[in-house]
Amino acid sequence: ALQLNPNLKRHEIDDLRIGWDLVLDIDCSVFEYSRLSANLVIKALKFHNVRSVSCKFSGNKGFHIGVPFESFPESIRNEEIKNLFPEAPRRIAQYITSMITQKLEEEIMKIDPDISTISKKTGKASKEITRYATDKTGNKIPILDVKPFLEIDTILISSRHLYRMPYSLHEKSGLVSLPVNPDRVLEFEKDQAKPESIKVSDFRFLDRKNLDYNDAKELIVQAFDHEPLVEENKVEENKKFEILEDSVPEELFPPCIKVGLLGLKDGRKRFVFTLINFLVAAGWDYDSIEKRLKEWNKNNEEPLREVNLLGQLRYHKQQKKKILPA
C-alpha cells in the first residue's frame, strides 16, 4: 500500500497488483428486490462450485457479494488472472446477470404480480419495465423487465475505488453494513442492521481464513466463454444514459465525436472539454453527460482520474453557460 500514489499510471498499478477481489454490488431502490437478487447471485456462484462466497448488507437497500482473489486460478488462457482487470470482474458480473435475470423476474412477480405495483415501488413507468414474449400460439404476452431498475455491477473495477467497510454506518440510512449468512439472505431484515441491534456475526466479508483455493476456476472460464447478445447491450446502453427526448442521439453525432468516444491514447483531457460542450449544445442534461463521460473513460487505454474527468463538468455547471471549443 505504501507504494501507491495518485501519480501512478495504469501500467504501474498493474505491475503492483497481486490479485483482485470480486465484489458484486446489488443495486436497487427496493430492498425486497435486492434481497431476491442477492440470493440468486449466491446460488449462481455456488452452482459453479464457488465455496468462498461471502455477503454483507450495504447499509441502505442493497447487498455486496464477495469472492476473494485467492479463489481464482493464477492464470487462464495463458494470461495471469491479476492482469485481467477490470475485464474479468466485468465479464463475471455480466455472465451472472444473464444467468439469473429470468428467474429474478419470476420471483419478483410472485411478490408483486401486478407490474403497476412494481412501477410504483421502483418509480419506473410501466412501459419501461415491460417487455413482450411470444407464447406457443404466437400471441405476445407482457412480462417484467428488471434491467431498468436493478443492476448487478462490480464495485472494485477502479484502481482507486473504495467500498464500505463491514460494521460501518451508512451515512444516509444510519444502518450498519452488516455481514450476512450467505445461505440465509432471504431471512435478513433491515431492522437487524440498526446500531442498537448489532451483534458481531460469525460470518466475515471476504473471509480469508476459510479459503478454498481455485474454487472459482469454473466460474471465470464460463464467464469468458459467455458471449452476450449485441441487442441486449444496445438496449442496456440506451436505458443507462436516460437521454432527454429533445436531445441529439449518438447515432447522429459527427464522425470526430464518434471516433473520440471509442477511447483515446492522447488528448483525453482536451476531448473531455470538447465532449462536454458538444453534449450540452446537443441538449443532454448534466446527469446523462456524467454517465457518458464515465463510460467513455473505460474505453481509454489509460483512464483519466475522476478529479480530471469530472472537474470540467462541475466547472461548466457552475458557469451555467456554453463554452464553445476554440
Protein backbone atom coordinates (compact mmCIF):
# COMPACT_ATOMS: atom_id res chain seq x y z
CA ALA A 1 0.00 0.00 0.00
CA LEU A 2 2.91 2.38 0.69
CA GLN A 3 3.94 2.09 -2.96
CA LEU A 4 0.66 3.57 -4.16
CA ASN A 5 0.39 7.23 -5.04
CA PRO A 6 -2.06 9.28 -7.16
CA ASN A 7 0.54 9.91 -9.86
CA LEU A 8 0.99 6.25 -10.82
CA LYS A 9 -0.01 5.32 -14.35
CA ARG A 10 -2.22 2.37 -15.10
CA HIS A 11 0.57 0.01 -16.19
CA GLU A 12 2.50 0.84 -13.00
CA ILE A 13 -0.54 -0.04 -10.86
CA ASP A 14 -0.97 -3.26 -12.85
CA ASP A 15 2.63 -4.20 -12.01
CA LEU A 16 1.95 -3.73 -8.28
CA ARG A 17 -1.29 -5.71 -8.28
CA ILE A 18 -1.08 -9.28 -6.95
CA GLY A 19 -4.78 -10.01 -7.45
CA TRP A 20 -8.29 -8.60 -7.28
CA ASP A 21 -11.31 -9.46 -5.18
CA LEU A 22 -14.65 -9.92 -6.89
CA VAL A 23 -17.26 -7.72 -5.19
CA LEU A 24 -20.69 -7.67 -6.82
CA ASP A 25 -22.99 -4.80 -5.91
CA ILE A 26 -26.74 -5.48 -5.92
CA ASP A 27 -28.22 -2.05 -6.57
CA CYS A 28 -31.97 -1.45 -6.47
CA SER A 29 -34.24 1.13 -4.85
CA VAL A 30 -36.48 -1.65 -3.47
CA PHE A 31 -34.90 -3.66 -0.66
CA GLU A 32 -37.05 -6.78 -1.22
CA TYR A 33 -35.98 -7.00 -4.85
CA SER A 34 -32.31 -6.53 -3.93
CA ARG A 35 -32.62 -9.35 -1.43
CA LEU A 36 -34.08 -11.71 -4.03
CA SER A 37 -31.29 -10.76 -6.44
CA ALA A 38 -28.56 -11.31 -3.83
CA ASN A 39 -29.91 -14.78 -3.07
CA LEU A 40 -29.91 -15.73 -6.75
CA VAL A 41 -26.38 -14.38 -7.27
CA ILE A 42 -25.13 -16.50 -4.37
CA LYS A 43 -26.88 -19.57 -5.79
CA ALA A 44 -25.34 -18.90 -9.21
CA LEU A 45 -21.86 -18.70 -7.69
CA LYS A 46 -22.37 -21.92 -5.76
CA PHE A 47 -23.73 -23.58 -8.90
CA HIS A 48 -20.22 -23.03 -10.30
CA ASN A 49 -18.73 -24.66 -7.18
CA VAL A 50 -17.57 -21.38 -5.65
CA ARG A 51 -17.48 -22.10 -1.92
CA SER A 52 -15.66 -18.98 -0.68
CA VAL A 53 -18.73 -16.76 -1.02
CA SER A 54 -19.45 -14.01 1.48
CA CYS A 55 -22.22 -11.45 1.72
CA LYS A 56 -22.99 -8.24 3.55
CA PHE A 57 -25.85 -5.77 3.67
CA SER A 58 -24.74 -2.50 2.08
CA GLY A 59 -26.27 -0.42 4.88
CA ASN A 60 -29.08 1.01 2.75
CA LYS A 61 -31.05 -1.00 0.18
CA GLY A 62 -28.58 -3.37 -1.42
CA PHE A 63 -26.11 -6.17 -0.81
CA HIS A 64 -22.46 -6.84 -1.58
CA ILE A 65 -21.40 -10.34 -2.62
CA GLY A 66 -17.69 -11.11 -2.30
CA VAL A 67 -15.27 -13.74 -3.58
CA PRO A 68 -11.57 -13.33 -2.55
CA PHE A 69 -8.92 -13.29 -5.26
CA GLU A 70 -7.30 -16.45 -3.86
CA SER A 71 -10.37 -18.35 -5.10
CA PHE A 72 -9.37 -17.69 -8.71
CA PRO A 73 -6.65 -19.61 -10.58
CA GLU A 74 -3.34 -17.91 -11.25
CA SER A 75 -3.89 -17.92 -14.99
CA ILE A 76 -6.45 -18.55 -17.70
CA ARG A 77 -5.86 -18.82 -21.45
CA ASN A 78 -2.15 -18.23 -20.89
CA GLU A 79 -2.81 -14.90 -19.15
CA GLU A 80 -2.23 -14.14 -15.49
CA ILE A 81 -5.51 -13.52 -13.68
CA LYS A 82 -4.10 -10.47 -11.90
CA ASN A 83 -3.70 -8.74 -15.27
CA LEU A 84 -7.29 -9.42 -16.38
CA PHE A 85 -8.57 -6.39 -14.51
CA PRO A 86 -11.12 -4.86 -14.86
CA GLU A 87 -12.18 -7.08 -17.78
CA ALA A 88 -12.60 -10.29 -15.77
CA PRO A 89 -14.83 -8.95 -12.95
CA ARG A 90 -16.97 -7.15 -15.54
CA ARG A 91 -17.37 -10.34 -17.54
CA ILE A 92 -18.33 -12.28 -14.42
CA ALA A 93 -20.93 -9.65 -13.44
CA GLN A 94 -22.42 -9.74 -16.93
CA TYR A 95 -22.45 -13.53 -17.01
CA ILE A 96 -24.09 -13.86 -13.59
CA THR A 97 -26.68 -11.24 -14.57
CA SER A 98 -27.60 -13.19 -17.71
CA MET A 99 -27.94 -16.37 -15.63
CA ILE A 100 -30.36 -15.04 -13.03
CA THR A 101 -32.41 -12.40 -14.89
CA GLN A 102 -35.33 -14.60 -15.94
CA LYS A 103 -35.57 -16.32 -12.55
CA LEU A 104 -35.38 -12.95 -10.79
CA GLU A 105 -38.24 -11.59 -12.88
CA GLU A 106 -40.32 -14.62 -11.94
CA GLU A 107 -39.50 -14.28 -8.24
CA ILE A 108 -40.41 -10.58 -8.18
CA MET A 109 -43.70 -11.32 -9.93
CA LYS A 110 -44.51 -13.81 -7.17
CA ILE A 111 -44.25 -10.98 -4.64
CA ASP A 112 -45.93 -8.36 -6.81
CA PRO A 113 -47.96 -9.98 -9.61
CA ASP A 114 -49.10 -6.59 -10.95
CA ILE A 115 -46.50 -4.65 -12.97
CA SER A 116 -48.19 -1.40 -11.96
CA THR A 117 -47.30 -2.17 -8.33
CA ILE A 118 -43.67 -2.74 -9.30
CA SER A 119 -43.81 0.51 -11.26
CA LYS A 120 -44.90 2.46 -8.17
CA LYS A 121 -42.24 0.86 -5.98
CA THR A 122 -39.39 1.45 -8.41
CA GLY A 123 -40.50 4.83 -9.75
CA LYS A 124 -40.29 3.50 -13.31
CA ALA A 125 -43.12 3.81 -15.83
CA SER A 126 -44.90 0.51 -16.56
CA LYS A 127 -43.82 0.62 -20.21
CA GLU A 128 -40.16 0.93 -19.13
CA ILE A 129 -40.26 -2.30 -17.15
CA THR A 130 -42.40 -4.34 -19.55
CA ARG A 131 -41.14 -6.47 -22.40
CA TYR A 132 -43.04 -8.91 -24.57
CA ALA A 133 -42.56 -12.60 -25.25
CA THR A 134 -44.31 -14.80 -27.79
CA ASP A 135 -46.20 -17.82 -26.49
CA LYS A 136 -46.76 -21.12 -28.31
CA THR A 137 -49.83 -19.78 -30.09
CA GLY A 138 -47.95 -16.77 -31.46
CA ASN A 139 -49.52 -14.23 -29.13
CA LYS A 140 -47.39 -11.57 -27.46
CA ILE A 141 -47.59 -11.60 -23.68
CA PRO A 142 -46.28 -8.83 -21.36
CA ILE A 143 -43.59 -9.86 -18.87
CA LEU A 144 -41.46 -7.98 -16.36
CA ASP A 145 -38.11 -6.49 -17.41
CA VAL A 146 -35.86 -5.88 -14.38
CA LYS A 147 -32.98 -4.22 -16.24
CA PRO A 148 -34.24 -0.61 -15.91
CA PHE A 149 -34.40 -0.73 -12.10
CA LEU A 150 -31.98 -3.36 -10.88
CA GLU A 151 -28.26 -3.57 -11.59
CA ILE A 152 -25.62 -6.11 -10.65
CA ASP A 153 -22.28 -4.40 -11.03
CA THR A 154 -18.71 -4.74 -9.87
CA ILE A 155 -17.62 -2.24 -7.21
CA LEU A 156 -13.86 -2.67 -7.29
CA ILE A 157 -13.30 -2.04 -11.02
CA SER A 158 -11.32 1.14 -10.46
CA SER A 159 -7.75 1.01 -9.20
CA ARG A 160 -8.60 3.64 -6.58
CA HIS A 161 -12.18 2.64 -5.75
CA LEU A 162 -13.22 2.10 -2.14
CA TYR A 163 -16.20 0.28 -0.69
CA ARG A 164 -17.98 0.44 2.63
CA MET A 165 -16.22 -1.32 5.47
CA PRO A 166 -18.17 -4.06 7.33
CA TYR A 167 -19.82 -2.74 10.51
CA SER A 168 -19.54 0.88 9.35
CA LEU A 169 -22.59 3.16 9.36
CA HIS A 170 -24.29 4.19 6.16
CA GLU A 171 -24.43 8.00 6.20
CA LYS A 172 -27.95 8.21 4.73
CA SER A 173 -29.82 5.35 6.39
CA GLY A 174 -27.94 5.23 9.71
CA LEU A 175 -27.85 1.44 9.35
CA VAL A 176 -24.81 -0.81 9.70
CA SER A 177 -23.16 -2.54 6.75
CA LEU A 178 -23.59 -5.96 8.30
CA PRO A 179 -22.10 -9.32 7.20
CA VAL A 180 -24.86 -11.84 6.49
CA ASN A 181 -25.01 -15.61 6.31
CA PRO A 182 -24.98 -16.18 2.52
CA ASP A 183 -27.28 -19.19 2.91
CA ARG A 184 -29.92 -17.15 4.76
CA VAL A 185 -30.06 -13.86 2.86
CA LEU A 186 -33.83 -14.13 2.36
CA GLU A 187 -34.27 -14.12 6.15
CA PHE A 188 -32.37 -10.85 6.59
CA GLU A 189 -34.39 -7.77 7.61
CA LYS A 190 -33.16 -4.18 7.73
CA ASP A 191 -34.07 -3.95 11.44
CA GLN A 192 -31.19 -6.35 12.11
CA ALA A 193 -28.81 -3.63 10.90
CA LYS A 194 -29.93 -0.99 13.40
CA PRO A 195 -26.94 0.02 15.58
CA GLU A 196 -28.73 -0.91 18.79
CA SER A 197 -29.47 -4.42 17.43
CA ILE A 198 -26.00 -5.30 16.18
CA LYS A 199 -24.29 -8.48 17.21
CA VAL A 200 -20.94 -9.48 15.78
CA SER A 201 -21.67 -12.01 13.07
CA ASP A 202 -19.99 -15.39 12.76
CA PHE A 203 -19.58 -14.56 9.08
CA ARG A 204 -16.82 -12.35 7.71
CA PHE A 205 -16.91 -10.48 4.44
CA LEU A 206 -14.18 -11.69 2.04
CA ASP A 207 -13.13 -14.22 4.65
CA ARG A 208 -9.58 -15.42 4.01
CA LYS A 209 -9.35 -17.77 6.98
CA ASN A 210 -11.50 -20.48 5.42
CA LEU A 211 -10.49 -20.33 1.78
CA ASP A 212 -10.99 -22.92 -0.91
CA TYR A 213 -8.21 -22.10 -3.34
CA ASN A 214 -9.09 -22.16 -7.05
CA ASP A 215 -12.74 -22.95 -6.37
CA ALA A 216 -13.78 -20.12 -8.75
CA LYS A 217 -11.93 -21.55 -11.75
CA GLU A 218 -15.09 -22.89 -13.39
CA LEU A 219 -16.82 -19.53 -12.87
CA ILE A 220 -14.20 -17.45 -14.65
CA VAL A 221 -13.84 -19.93 -17.50
CA GLN A 222 -17.59 -19.88 -18.12
CA ALA A 223 -17.70 -16.09 -17.85
CA PHE A 224 -15.07 -15.73 -20.58
CA ASP A 225 -16.85 -18.27 -22.77
CA HIS A 226 -20.13 -16.40 -22.39
CA GLU A 227 -20.99 -14.17 -25.36
CA PRO A 228 -23.75 -11.65 -24.58
CA LEU A 229 -26.22 -10.74 -27.31
CA VAL A 230 -25.46 -7.49 -29.12
CA GLU A 231 -29.13 -6.49 -28.96
CA GLU A 232 -29.11 -6.76 -25.15
CA ASN A 233 -26.07 -4.48 -24.96
CA LYS A 234 -27.74 -1.86 -27.17
CA VAL A 235 -30.89 -1.85 -25.06
CA GLU A 236 -28.86 -1.55 -21.87
CA GLU A 237 -26.86 1.38 -23.24
CA ASN A 238 -29.99 3.25 -24.30
CA LYS A 239 -31.55 2.85 -20.87
CA LYS A 240 -28.37 3.57 -18.97
CA PHE A 241 -27.95 7.19 -20.04
CA GLU A 242 -31.62 8.28 -19.84
CA ILE A 243 -31.19 10.83 -22.61
CA LEU A 244 -33.86 13.52 -22.91
CA GLU A 245 -36.34 13.22 -25.77
CA ASP A 246 -35.25 16.54 -27.33
CA SER A 247 -31.52 15.75 -27.19
CA VAL A 248 -29.42 14.61 -30.13
CA PRO A 249 -28.95 10.79 -30.11
CA GLU A 250 -25.48 9.30 -30.51
CA GLU A 251 -26.17 7.87 -33.95
CA LEU A 252 -26.38 11.47 -35.23
CA PHE A 253 -23.09 12.61 -33.68
CA PRO A 254 -20.40 13.85 -36.12
CA PRO A 255 -17.62 11.35 -37.00
CA CYS A 256 -14.97 13.15 -34.91
CA ILE A 257 -17.06 12.75 -31.72
CA LYS A 258 -17.89 9.12 -32.53
CA VAL A 259 -14.20 8.30 -33.03
CA GLY A 260 -13.22 10.02 -29.76
CA LEU A 261 -15.87 8.07 -27.85
CA LEU A 262 -14.16 4.81 -28.84
CA GLY A 263 -11.29 5.74 -26.50
CA LEU A 264 -8.09 7.74 -26.84
CA LYS A 265 -4.41 7.31 -26.06
CA ASP A 266 -3.57 11.03 -26.16
CA GLY A 267 -5.59 14.24 -25.89
CA ARG A 268 -8.07 12.82 -23.41
CA LYS A 269 -8.40 15.99 -21.30
CA ARG A 270 -8.94 18.13 -24.41
CA PHE A 271 -11.58 15.68 -25.60
CA VAL A 272 -13.40 15.92 -22.23
CA PHE A 273 -13.65 19.69 -22.73
CA THR A 274 -14.89 19.24 -26.30
CA LEU A 275 -17.34 16.45 -25.42
CA ILE A 276 -18.96 18.33 -22.51
CA ASN A 277 -19.58 21.42 -24.61
CA PHE A 278 -20.83 19.37 -27.53
CA LEU A 279 -23.28 17.35 -25.40
CA VAL A 280 -24.63 20.46 -23.65
CA ALA A 281 -25.18 22.08 -27.05
CA ALA A 282 -26.83 18.85 -28.22
CA GLY A 283 -29.41 19.03 -25.41
CA TRP A 284 -28.02 16.45 -22.98
CA ASP A 285 -28.61 17.03 -19.26
CA TYR A 286 -25.67 17.01 -16.83
CA ASP A 287 -26.53 13.66 -15.22
CA SER A 288 -26.55 11.98 -18.64
CA ILE A 289 -23.27 13.70 -19.56
CA GLU A 290 -21.60 12.47 -16.37
CA LYS A 291 -22.69 8.88 -17.03
CA ARG A 292 -21.48 9.07 -20.62
CA LEU A 293 -18.12 10.53 -19.56
CA LYS A 294 -17.55 7.67 -17.11
CA GLU A 295 -18.49 5.11 -19.76
CA TRP A 296 -16.14 6.72 -22.29
CA ASN A 297 -13.30 6.78 -19.74
CA LYS A 298 -13.42 2.97 -19.53
CA ASN A 299 -12.56 2.81 -23.25
CA ASN A 300 -9.34 4.77 -22.84
CA GLU A 301 -6.03 2.92 -22.87
CA GLU A 302 -5.23 4.72 -19.62
CA PRO A 303 -8.40 6.13 -17.96
CA LEU A 304 -8.35 9.63 -16.54
CA ARG A 305 -8.53 10.16 -12.80
CA GLU A 306 -12.05 11.09 -11.69
CA VAL A 307 -10.92 14.53 -10.48
CA ASN A 308 -9.75 15.31 -14.02
CA LEU A 309 -12.73 13.65 -15.63
CA LEU A 310 -15.47 15.43 -13.72
CA GLY A 311 -13.71 18.67 -12.74
CA GLN A 312 -14.53 20.31 -16.06
CA LEU A 313 -18.13 19.19 -15.83
CA ARG A 314 -18.55 20.74 -12.38
CA TYR A 315 -16.97 23.99 -13.64
CA HIS A 316 -19.33 24.04 -16.61
CA LYS A 317 -22.35 23.58 -14.33
CA GLN A 318 -21.21 26.43 -12.10
CA GLN A 319 -20.71 28.77 -15.08
CA LYS A 320 -24.17 27.88 -16.45
CA LYS A 321 -23.21 28.84 -19.98
CA LYS A 322 -21.99 27.17 -23.13
CA ILE A 323 -18.22 27.38 -23.57
CA LEU A 324 -17.53 26.52 -27.17
CA PRO A 325 -14.17 24.94 -28.10
CA ALA A 326 -11.71 27.24 -29.86
